[in-house]
Amino acid sequence: MKFSGKEIFQLEKIAKGLANHQRIKILSLLENKEEMSLGEIADEFKKDYKTIAEHLRRLVLAGLVHKRREGLLVYFRLSPLGQKVLKILPKIFS
């Protein structure tokens, strides 16, 4: 299979987004939720808000998660790309 330059760049962004077990866990958490706030995600993992915010920032940069602001709160949800990636990951191990 041959990839275009743009596709290679997109694959690199996705790989960087998935390059941490906490980020994969965040994606799995968001898979069954419409959206969650930063606070809800941090509470779920019992982690510092700054740590979770950095993981989410990287997932947004990878295009795997979308964010939206509502006042002081920031909400996150899986992007269509994130949904596709989560469907593909289990196939890697089968």
Protein backbone atom coordinates (compact mmCIF):
# COMPACT_ATOMS: atom_id res chain seq x y z
CA MET A 1 0.00 0.00 0.00
CA LYS A 2 1.34 3.41 -0.93
CA PHE A 3 0.44 6.50 1.07
CA SER A 4 0.43 10.10 -0.12
CA GLY A 5 2.42 12.72 1.78
CA LYS A 6 -0.77 14.04 3.36
CA GLU A 7 -1.81 10.54 4.47
CA ILE A 8 1.60 9.90 6.01
CA PHE A 9 1.36 13.16 7.96
CA GLN A 10 -2.16 12.20 9.17
CA LEU A 11 -0.92 8.74 10.24
CA GLU A 12 1.91 10.37 12.18
CA LYS A 13 -0.57 12.63 14.02
CA ILE A 14 -2.78 9.65 14.89
CA ALA A 15 0.21 7.62 16.09
CA LYS A 16 1.33 10.47 18.34
CA GLY A 17 -2.19 10.72 19.73
CA LEU A 18 -2.20 7.01 20.55
CA ALA A 19 1.35 6.96 21.92
CA ASN A 20 0.28 6.91 25.57
CA HIS A 21 -1.83 4.38 27.48
CA GLN A 22 -3.74 7.15 29.29
CA ARG A 23 -4.84 8.66 25.98
CA ILE A 24 -6.08 5.29 24.76
CA LYS A 25 -8.02 4.92 28.01
CA ILE A 26 -9.53 8.39 27.51
CA LEU A 27 -10.64 7.42 24.00
CA SER A 28 -12.22 4.25 25.38
CA LEU A 29 -14.02 6.25 28.05
CA LEU A 30 -15.39 8.72 25.49
CA GLU A 31 -16.51 5.89 23.20
CA ASN A 32 -19.69 5.31 25.21
CA LYS A 33 -20.37 8.94 26.15
CA GLU A 34 -21.88 11.70 24.08
CA GLU A 35 -19.39 14.12 25.64
CA MET A 36 -17.64 14.75 28.93
CA SER A 37 -16.13 17.78 30.60
CA LEU A 38 -12.46 17.99 31.51
CA GLY A 39 -13.42 17.73 35.18
CA GLU A 40 -15.50 14.60 34.63
CA ILE A 41 -12.66 12.91 32.77
CA ALA A 42 -10.07 13.91 35.39
CA ASP A 43 -12.34 12.63 38.17
CA GLU A 44 -12.89 9.35 36.34
CA PHE A 45 -9.14 8.73 36.18
CA LYS A 46 -8.39 10.31 39.56
CA LYS A 47 -5.69 12.38 37.88
CA ASP A 48 -4.62 16.00 38.01
CA TYR A 49 -6.61 18.31 35.69
CA LYS A 50 -3.43 19.59 34.05
CA THR A 51 -2.30 16.07 33.19
CA ILE A 52 -5.65 15.13 31.65
CA ALA A 53 -5.84 18.49 29.84
CA GLU A 54 -2.48 17.79 28.20
CA HIS A 55 -3.59 14.32 27.10
CA LEU A 56 -6.79 15.78 25.68
CA ARG A 57 -4.86 18.53 23.90
CA ARG A 58 -2.80 15.87 22.14
CA LEU A 59 -5.90 13.89 21.21
CA VAL A 60 -7.47 17.04 19.74
CA LEU A 61 -4.28 17.76 17.75
CA ALA A 62 -4.40 14.19 16.42
CA GLY A 63 -7.98 14.76 15.28
CA LEU A 64 -9.28 11.93 17.47
CA VAL A 65 -11.32 14.15 19.81
CA HIS A 66 -13.36 17.32 19.33
CA LYS A 67 -13.70 19.96 22.02
CA ARG A 68 -16.20 22.69 22.66
CA ARG A 69 -16.33 25.47 25.21
CA GLU A 70 -19.38 26.44 27.17
CA GLY A 71 -18.57 29.31 29.50
CA LEU A 72 -15.70 28.17 31.70
CA LEU A 73 -16.24 24.49 30.95
CA VAL A 74 -14.63 22.55 28.12
CA TYR A 75 -16.35 19.45 26.78
CA PHE A 76 -14.80 16.63 24.76
CA ARG A 77 -16.24 13.96 22.49
CA LEU A 78 -14.88 11.45 20.02
CA SER A 79 -14.46 12.71 16.48
CA PRO A 80 -15.55 10.54 13.54
CA LEU A 81 -11.86 9.70 13.06
CA GLY A 82 -11.58 8.72 16.73
CA GLN A 83 -14.58 6.42 16.33
CA LYS A 84 -12.97 4.76 13.29
CA VAL A 85 -9.66 4.30 15.08
CA LEU A 86 -11.37 2.67 18.08
CA LYS A 87 -13.09 0.21 15.73
CA ILE A 88 -9.78 -0.70 14.08
CA LEU A 89 -7.64 -1.14 17.22
CA PRO A 90 -9.15 -4.44 18.41
CA LYS A 91 -8.52 -5.95 14.96
CA ILE A 92 -4.78 -5.43 15.43
CA PHE A 93 -4.77 -8.05 18.18
CA SER A 94 -6.93 -10.67 16.46
